[in-house]
Amino acid sequence: MVGTLERTPRTSAIGIAPVLPRKTGRQRNATWLNALAPATAFGLLIVVWKLAVVIVGYQPFILPPPEAVARSFWDALRAGILWPHIRTTLIEAGYGALLGIGVAFVLGYVVVHLPLLDRAFAPVIAASQALPAVALAPIIILWFGTGLLPKVLICALIVFFPVLVTWTVGLRGIDPALRDVARIYGANLWQTLRYVEIPLALRSLLGGVRIAFTLAVTGAVIGEFVSAKQGLGYLLKQAEFLYDTPLKFVSLFCLMAIAALGYAVIALLERLLLSWED
């Protein structure tokens, strides 16, 4: 009975024989262009940055030239001080994103299927988003100490809401008739979730997850600003204390790289998981 509900590359709930299209030359060229576009945009940014330094004549402590930032990056990398900070921020952001996504997934499913809970919790959850994470971070660190846990919780709080919204929007967009068909075929709640709801709401969910991993990096930095002995946020504070502007730019670019990498990984995962829609 469950087999009738399995997803195939061309259907979501009731399967028919898959037909896998071949990529044309134009599609392959578009794939290469999509891959080169970010690198081209980054190159243009560097050129504009260098022109701004040369034309306006900014002092290095205000806006260092790209080569000074590259030299600072190499020095920090060679000295072995950069990677421990990157690893700490990655761990905090990764665990926080996973926690926030997990809680949002469970709560989103519950409130969609139990409208009473939705009416009870929706105003509270929406109102909580007015509380700035910068203001909450010292309280969370006061409650849970200065270790890994408070940073993970700060990341999870920032990640939670966008994933909850996109997941619930995806679930509510499913035609109720599809759930009824699943129940007629004998599917229980878990089978309906696996074979009907997750496939049909997956695009919406992954859109929230993509945002979540970039926001998790911001949450990690906020926690490190308040209290930390390691991490890119801590390195930013140290560079500011030392008036080392190139090192500040190195920290900022590392944060951007982490967020961009997470975004790209989720985008690739989205393409793989949603290939059956093509």
Foldseek 3Di string as FASTA:
>chain_A
DLVQQADDLAGQGGDDDDDADDDDPVNVVVVVCVVCVVVVVVVVVLVVLQCCCVVVVDDCLVRNRPVLLVVVLVVCVVVVNPVQQLVLLCVLLVLLLVLLLVVLLVVLVVCLVPVVVCVVCVVVLVVVVVDDLLVCLVVLCVVVPLDSVSLSPLLSSQLNVLLNVLLNVQQVPFDVVVVVVCVVVPDDPVSCCVRPRCLRSVVSNLVSSLVSSLSSSVSNLSNVCVHDDGHLNVQLVVCVVVSPVSSNVNSVVSSVVRSVVSNVVSVVVVCVSNSSND
